[in-house]
């Protein structure tokens, strides 16, 4: 059973699993025809194991507790937007990266949340094996169910290495997913949000 934390860095976890993951990477390197003993690859299994543990540390983090730890009573009831949140994840189909930006808005209903917590929530769900559609849903539902705002909107724009490096090899393709709850289901509110995230504000 993994210890769940709001947001500890990976270095604070017991990394005994690393030796097991390291041996698996060593076997993979051998199976593809490389020499795991050559100078450039000797430490690669350990590095790869640590990288994989870092990129999947979201399984040991609790997004709900992150939000609950920074909720404040406030009468502000206009749209709050955090846009251009950098996002890096691993697709669960090929375990290759997908990356891009998340744009998130909510309309408070008696409580606001510390602004830095929204990007942290994105990281918690992104640092798991994901598909972009579920990542969008996970972020949306976490904010909606925990903060209980009048509305939530999430838009993610991402490029997928499984499309860019293999398969159709379309280097310039971008996938956009979105989800809306509450007041953002109204077309006028949704359009206001979409207009604001596409605008370049000076």
Protein backbone atom coordinates (compact mmCIF):
# COMPACT_ATOMS: atom_id res chain seq x y z
CA UNK A 1 0.00 0.00 0.00
CA UNK A 2 1.53 3.30 -1.08
CA UNK A 3 1.63 6.20 1.34
CA UNK A 4 -0.62 8.98 0.07
CA UNK A 5 0.61 12.52 0.45
CA UNK A 6 -0.79 15.85 -0.66
CA UNK A 7 2.39 16.67 -2.59
CA UNK A 8 5.71 15.38 -1.37
CA UNK A 9 8.57 15.33 -3.83
CA UNK A 10 9.64 11.90 -5.00
CA UNK A 11 12.91 12.15 -3.07
CA UNK A 12 10.92 11.92 0.17
CA UNK A 13 9.62 8.44 -0.68
CA UNK A 14 11.26 5.10 0.01
CA UNK A 15 12.81 4.13 -3.33
CA UNK A 16 13.37 0.41 -2.62
CA UNK A 17 11.22 -0.36 -5.68
CA UNK A 18 13.97 1.22 -7.79
CA UNK A 19 16.14 -1.94 -7.80
CA UNK A 20 13.29 -4.01 -9.21
CA UNK A 21 12.41 -1.41 -11.86
CA UNK A 22 16.12 -1.00 -12.63
CA UNK A 23 16.51 -4.71 -13.39
CA UNK A 24 13.53 -4.56 -15.76
CA UNK A 25 15.10 -1.68 -17.69
CA UNK A 26 18.38 -3.58 -17.84
CA UNK A 27 16.55 -6.52 -19.42
CA UNK A 28 14.82 -4.26 -21.94
CA UNK A 29 18.13 -2.71 -23.01
CA UNK A 30 19.58 -6.21 -23.44
CA UNK A 31 16.54 -7.44 -25.39
CA UNK A 32 16.70 -4.63 -27.96
CA UNK A 33 20.28 -5.66 -28.75
CA UNK A 34 22.32 -3.15 -26.77
CA UNK A 35 25.20 -3.84 -24.40
CA UNK A 36 24.09 -2.78 -20.93
CA UNK A 37 27.71 -3.02 -19.77
CA UNK A 38 29.09 -0.39 -22.12
CA UNK A 39 30.12 2.88 -20.53
CA UNK A 40 27.22 5.02 -21.70
CA UNK A 41 24.59 2.52 -20.54
CA UNK A 42 25.95 1.21 -17.25
CA UNK A 43 23.92 3.67 -15.17
CA UNK A 44 21.01 3.98 -17.60
CA UNK A 45 18.75 1.36 -15.90
CA UNK A 46 19.01 3.23 -12.60
CA UNK A 47 18.43 6.62 -14.24
CA UNK A 48 15.47 5.28 -16.22
CA UNK A 49 13.96 3.69 -13.12
CA UNK A 50 14.22 6.93 -11.15
CA UNK A 51 12.80 8.89 -14.09
CA UNK A 52 9.81 6.54 -14.34
CA UNK A 53 9.16 6.78 -10.59
CA UNK A 54 9.30 10.57 -10.84
CA UNK A 55 6.98 10.68 -13.85
CA UNK A 56 4.42 8.46 -12.09
CA UNK A 57 4.63 9.90 -8.56
CA UNK A 58 1.05 11.15 -8.90
CA UNK A 59 -0.09 7.73 -7.69
CA UNK A 60 1.32 8.61 -4.26
CA UNK A 61 -0.16 12.12 -4.14
CA UNK A 62 -3.61 13.29 -3.07
CA UNK A 63 -5.12 16.06 -5.20
CA UNK A 64 -8.16 16.46 -2.95
CA UNK A 65 -5.98 17.17 0.08
CA UNK A 66 -3.98 19.71 -1.92
CA UNK A 67 -7.16 21.70 -2.57
CA UNK A 68 -8.59 21.24 0.92
CA UNK A 69 -5.37 22.54 2.44
CA UNK A 70 -5.72 25.91 0.72
CA UNK A 71 -9.44 26.70 0.63
CA UNK A 72 -10.50 30.08 1.97
CA UNK A 73 -13.92 31.61 2.55
CA UNK A 74 -14.37 34.50 0.17
CA UNK A 75 -17.40 36.23 -1.35
CA UNK A 76 -15.72 36.73 -4.76
CA UNK A 77 -18.00 35.19 -7.36
CA UNK A 78 -16.53 36.09 -10.76
CA UNK A 79 -14.58 33.77 -13.01
CA UNK A 80 -11.05 32.81 -11.90
CA UNK A 81 -8.83 31.62 -14.75
CA UNK A 82 -5.41 29.99 -14.58
CA UNK A 83 -4.22 29.52 -18.15
CA UNK A 84 -1.12 28.14 -19.86
CA UNK A 85 -0.34 25.63 -17.10
CA UNK A 86 2.55 23.50 -18.38
CA UNK A 87 1.61 19.86 -18.53
CA UNK A 88 3.74 16.72 -19.02
CA UNK A 89 2.33 13.21 -18.86
CA UNK A 90 2.80 9.66 -20.16
CA UNK A 91 0.26 8.06 -22.47
CA UNK A 92 -0.82 4.70 -21.11
CA UNK A 93 -0.89 3.04 -24.54
CA UNK A 94 2.79 3.39 -25.43
CA UNK A 95 4.26 4.97 -22.28
CA UNK A 96 5.50 7.86 -24.42
CA UNK A 97 5.17 11.49 -23.32
CA UNK A 98 2.42 13.89 -24.20
CA UNK A 99 2.81 17.52 -23.27
CA UNK A 100 1.13 20.88 -23.65
CA UNK A 101 -0.95 23.32 -21.65
CA UNK A 102 -3.99 23.23 -19.43
CA UNK A 103 -6.40 26.15 -19.05
CA UNK A 104 -8.65 26.00 -15.99
CA UNK A 105 -11.38 28.27 -14.66
CA UNK A 106 -13.83 28.14 -11.82
CA UNK A 107 -16.57 30.39 -10.46
CA UNK A 108 -16.36 30.47 -6.64
CA UNK A 109 -19.33 29.57 -4.48
CA UNK A 110 -18.23 30.89 -1.10
CA UNK A 111 -14.68 29.53 -1.26
CA UNK A 112 -11.59 30.27 -3.32
CA UNK A 113 -8.41 28.19 -3.47
CA UNK A 114 -4.76 29.26 -3.44
CA UNK A 115 -3.78 29.81 -7.06
CA UNK A 116 -0.69 27.61 -6.91
CA UNK A 117 -2.83 24.62 -5.95
CA UNK A 118 -4.52 24.36 -9.35
CA UNK A 119 -1.24 23.63 -11.20
CA UNK A 120 -0.36 21.16 -8.43
CA UNK A 121 -3.61 19.31 -9.07
CA UNK A 122 -2.73 19.18 -12.77
CA UNK A 123 0.66 17.65 -11.89
CA UNK A 124 -0.85 15.01 -9.59
CA UNK A 125 -3.06 13.62 -12.34
CA UNK A 126 -0.55 14.18 -15.14
CA UNK A 127 2.14 12.19 -13.30
CA UNK A 128 0.30 8.94 -13.87
CA UNK A 129 -0.20 6.76 -16.92
CA UNK A 130 -2.94 8.67 -18.69
CA UNK A 131 -5.03 9.35 -21.72
CA UNK A 132 -5.74 13.03 -22.35
CA UNK A 133 -9.49 12.53 -22.13
CA UNK A 134 -9.31 10.99 -18.65
CA UNK A 135 -6.74 13.54 -17.49
CA UNK A 136 -9.19 16.31 -18.42
CA UNK A 137 -11.99 14.53 -16.56
CA UNK A 138 -9.87 13.80 -13.46
CA UNK A 139 -8.86 17.45 -13.06
CA UNK A 140 -12.40 18.69 -13.70
CA UNK A 141 -14.08 16.32 -11.24
CA UNK A 142 -11.49 16.88 -8.51
CA UNK A 143 -11.99 20.65 -8.56
CA UNK A 144 -15.77 20.36 -8.93
CA UNK A 145 -16.26 17.83 -6.13
CA UNK A 146 -13.78 19.38 -3.68
CA UNK A 147 -14.22 23.12 -4.14
CA UNK A 148 -17.94 22.82 -5.04
CA UNK A 149 -17.89 26.00 -7.16
CA UNK A 150 -20.70 27.38 -9.29
CA UNK A 151 -18.85 26.09 -12.33
CA UNK A 152 -15.58 24.60 -13.57
CA UNK A 153 -13.97 24.56 -17.00
CA UNK A 154 -10.90 22.61 -18.14
CA UNK A 155 -9.28 22.75 -21.58
CA UNK A 156 -6.11 20.79 -22.41
CA UNK A 157 -4.07 21.22 -25.60
CA UNK A 158 -1.34 18.61 -26.02
CA UNK A 159 1.07 17.06 -28.49
CA UNK A 160 1.55 13.29 -28.28
CA UNK A 161 4.91 11.66 -28.96
CA UNK A 162 3.13 8.42 -29.92
CA UNK A 163 1.71 10.35 -32.89
CA UNK A 164 4.80 12.43 -33.58
CA UNK A 165 7.55 9.77 -33.39
CA UNK A 166 5.71 6.62 -34.45
CA UNK A 167 2.46 5.64 -36.16
CA UNK A 168 1.19 8.46 -38.36
CA UNK A 169 4.23 10.66 -37.50
CA UNK A 170 2.34 13.94 -37.60
CA UNK A 171 4.73 16.34 -35.87
CA UNK A 172 2.46 19.37 -35.83
CA UNK A 173 -0.76 17.79 -34.59
CA UNK A 174 -2.32 19.06 -31.36
CA UNK A 175 -5.14 17.35 -29.50
CA UNK A 176 -7.65 19.48 -27.60
CA UNK A 177 -9.98 18.14 -24.93
CA UNK A 178 -12.39 20.03 -22.72
CA UNK A 179 -14.85 19.60 -19.90
CA UNK A 180 -17.41 21.92 -18.35
CA UNK A 181 -19.57 21.80 -15.24
CA UNK A 182 -22.18 24.09 -13.70
CA UNK A 183 -22.38 27.61 -15.12
CA UNK A 184 -19.85 26.75 -17.82
CA UNK A 185 -22.46 24.50 -19.41
CA UNK A 186 -24.20 27.74 -20.43
CA UNK A 187 -22.94 28.71 -23.86
CA UNK A 188 -22.38 32.40 -23.00
CA UNK A 189 -20.22 31.60 -19.95
CA UNK A 190 -18.31 28.95 -21.87
CA UNK A 191 -17.66 31.34 -24.76
CA UNK A 192 -16.41 34.03 -22.36
CA UNK A 193 -13.92 31.53 -20.92
CA UNK A 194 -12.77 30.33 -24.36
CA UNK A 195 -12.34 33.92 -25.54
CA UNK A 196 -10.27 34.82 -22.46
CA UNK A 197 -7.91 31.84 -22.73
CA UNK A 198 -7.29 32.55 -26.41
CA UNK A 199 -6.65 36.28 -25.88
CA UNK A 200 -3.14 37.64 -25.41
CA UNK A 201 -3.44 39.92 -22.40
CA UNK A 202 -0.74 42.55 -21.92
